[in-house]
Protein backbone atom coordinates (compact mmCIF):
# COMPACT_ATOMS: atom_id res chain seq x y z
CA MET A 1 -14.24 -113.20 24.28
CA LEU A 2 -13.15 -112.55 27.94
CA SER A 3 -14.24 -108.84 29.20
CA ALA A 4 -15.20 -107.09 32.13
CA SER A 5 -18.72 -108.08 31.62
CA ASN A 6 -18.36 -111.57 30.73
CA PRO A 7 -16.73 -113.53 33.66
CA VAL A 8 -13.77 -116.21 33.32
CA ASN A 9 -14.80 -119.42 34.82
CA ASN A 10 -11.05 -120.57 35.46
CA ALA A 11 -9.46 -118.64 38.15
CA SER A 12 -6.50 -120.62 37.67
CA CYS A 13 -5.37 -118.13 35.13
CA ILE A 14 -4.71 -115.46 37.62
CA PRO A 15 -0.99 -115.02 37.88
CA ARG A 16 1.02 -115.40 41.12
CA LEU A 17 3.06 -112.43 42.06
CA SER A 18 5.68 -114.67 43.47
CA GLU A 19 6.06 -116.54 40.05
CA LEU A 20 6.11 -113.01 38.26
CA ARG A 21 9.25 -111.79 40.43
CA GLU A 22 11.44 -114.29 39.04
CA SER A 23 11.00 -113.68 35.18
CA PRO A 24 13.66 -112.67 32.92
CA ASP A 25 11.47 -110.08 31.36
CA GLY A 26 10.07 -107.13 32.54
CA VAL A 27 6.79 -107.51 34.11
CA GLU A 28 3.90 -104.81 35.21
CA LEU A 29 0.65 -105.60 36.41
CA LEU A 30 -1.57 -102.67 35.45
CA ASN A 31 -5.11 -101.71 37.04
CA SER A 32 -8.06 -100.73 34.59
CA GLU A 33 -6.68 -97.36 34.52
CA GLY A 34 -3.51 -98.20 33.14
CA ARG A 35 -1.65 -97.54 36.54
CA ILE A 36 1.17 -99.91 37.63
CA SER A 37 -0.05 -101.99 40.83
CA PHE A 38 3.33 -104.51 40.46
CA VAL A 39 6.67 -104.76 39.15
CA GLY A 40 8.52 -107.88 38.69
CA GLY A 41 11.30 -109.55 36.68
CA GLN A 42 13.52 -107.27 35.25
CA GLY A 43 11.20 -104.49 35.36
CA MET A 44 12.96 -102.50 38.01
CA GLN A 45 16.07 -102.67 35.90
CA LEU A 46 14.47 -101.43 33.01
CA LEU A 47 12.36 -98.30 34.42
CA PRO A 48 13.95 -95.36 35.64
CA VAL A 49 13.34 -95.65 39.49
CA ASP A 50 15.21 -97.23 42.41
CA ASP A 51 12.39 -98.85 44.38
CA MET A 52 9.04 -100.33 43.28
CA SER A 53 7.08 -98.09 45.43
CA ASP A 54 8.27 -95.21 43.24
CA LEU A 55 6.39 -96.94 40.27
CA VAL A 56 3.12 -97.97 41.92
CA GLY A 57 0.00 -95.79 40.96
CA ARG A 58 1.94 -94.25 38.16
CA ILE A 59 0.88 -94.76 34.69
CA TRP A 60 2.46 -96.91 32.70
CA LEU A 61 1.76 -95.37 29.13
CA ASP A 62 4.05 -92.48 30.33
CA PHE A 63 7.15 -94.46 30.11
CA TRP A 64 6.65 -95.18 26.42
CA PRO A 65 7.91 -92.83 23.78
CA ALA A 66 5.15 -89.94 23.21
CA ARG A 67 4.92 -91.18 19.37
CA ASP A 68 3.93 -94.54 20.38
CA ARG A 69 1.30 -93.75 23.07
CA PRO A 70 -1.99 -93.53 21.24
CA ALA A 71 -1.29 -97.02 19.75
CA ILE A 72 -0.21 -98.29 22.96
CA GLN A 73 -3.35 -96.93 24.54
CA LYS A 74 -5.63 -98.62 21.95
CA ARG A 75 -3.91 -102.24 22.57
CA PHE A 76 -4.12 -101.64 26.31
CA GLU A 77 -8.02 -101.11 25.94
CA ARG A 78 -8.31 -104.14 23.68
CA ALA A 79 -6.61 -106.21 26.41
CA LEU A 80 -8.90 -104.80 29.13
CA ALA A 81 -11.77 -105.98 26.85
CA GLY A 82 -10.33 -109.47 26.73
CA GLU A 83 -7.87 -109.59 23.63
CA MET A 84 -4.32 -110.31 24.04
CA GLN A 85 -2.31 -107.74 22.63
CA THR A 86 1.47 -107.48 21.20
CA PHE A 87 3.37 -104.46 20.01
CA ARG A 88 7.01 -103.55 19.19
CA THR A 89 8.82 -100.21 20.10
CA VAL A 90 12.26 -98.65 20.82
CA ARG A 91 12.69 -97.20 24.22
CA ALA A 92 15.94 -96.35 26.24
CA THR A 93 16.54 -98.23 29.23
CA ILE A 94 17.34 -96.63 32.69
CA ASN A 95 20.98 -96.41 31.41
CA ASP A 96 19.87 -94.55 28.38
CA ASP A 97 20.54 -97.59 26.22
CA ILE A 98 18.29 -97.73 23.09
CA LYS A 99 16.59 -101.11 23.03
CA GLN A 100 13.90 -102.58 20.82
CA TRP A 101 11.21 -103.90 22.89
CA GLU A 102 8.22 -106.47 22.34
CA VAL A 103 5.56 -106.19 24.73
CA THR A 104 2.72 -108.76 25.28
CA MET A 105 -0.44 -107.33 27.37
CA SER A 106 -2.69 -110.02 28.55
CA PRO A 107 -6.17 -109.49 30.04
CA VAL A 108 -6.09 -110.70 33.92
CA PRO A 109 -9.68 -111.83 35.72
CA ASN A 110 -10.03 -111.15 39.22
CA ALA A 111 -11.15 -114.13 41.67
CA SER A 112 -14.84 -113.54 40.54
CA GLY A 113 -13.54 -114.13 36.81
CA TYR A 114 -14.12 -110.24 35.57
CA ILE A 115 -11.34 -108.54 33.97
CA THR A 116 -9.84 -105.78 36.10
CA SER A 117 -6.14 -105.82 35.22
CA VAL A 118 -3.77 -106.31 32.47
CA LEU A 119 -0.46 -108.07 32.46
CA ALA A 120 2.31 -106.47 30.20
CA ILE A 121 5.49 -108.38 29.68
CA SER A 122 8.24 -106.63 28.06
CA ARG A 123 11.12 -108.47 26.18
CA GLU A 124 14.12 -106.97 24.92
CA LEU A 125 14.92 -108.14 21.50
CA GLY A 126 18.56 -108.62 20.48
């Protein structure tokens, strides 16, 4: 299992931010504290802000319904420990449209191979 204490030998799995910008899904790169360090894809259209700089440094968990936050926090911790995680929930978009989402969280190693970030990909379900 990947973890902060068990480095990954293949640094090629580190995502390129330029590729993530083009995703049709909402893409957020989270640091080890759960703060947003990058938003790509449709993330800007899904979150209630006008500029990416308004999101950087904010707690990603705060954008999810309060009732779901404890479970999402546990999944984030598992992703940071090296386990891919998925969950589904309902959340409003920036236009207050209620949508169902599937979110996949993947561990992201740094250049030395240690997991220091989590990539969260949010996909709207029909």
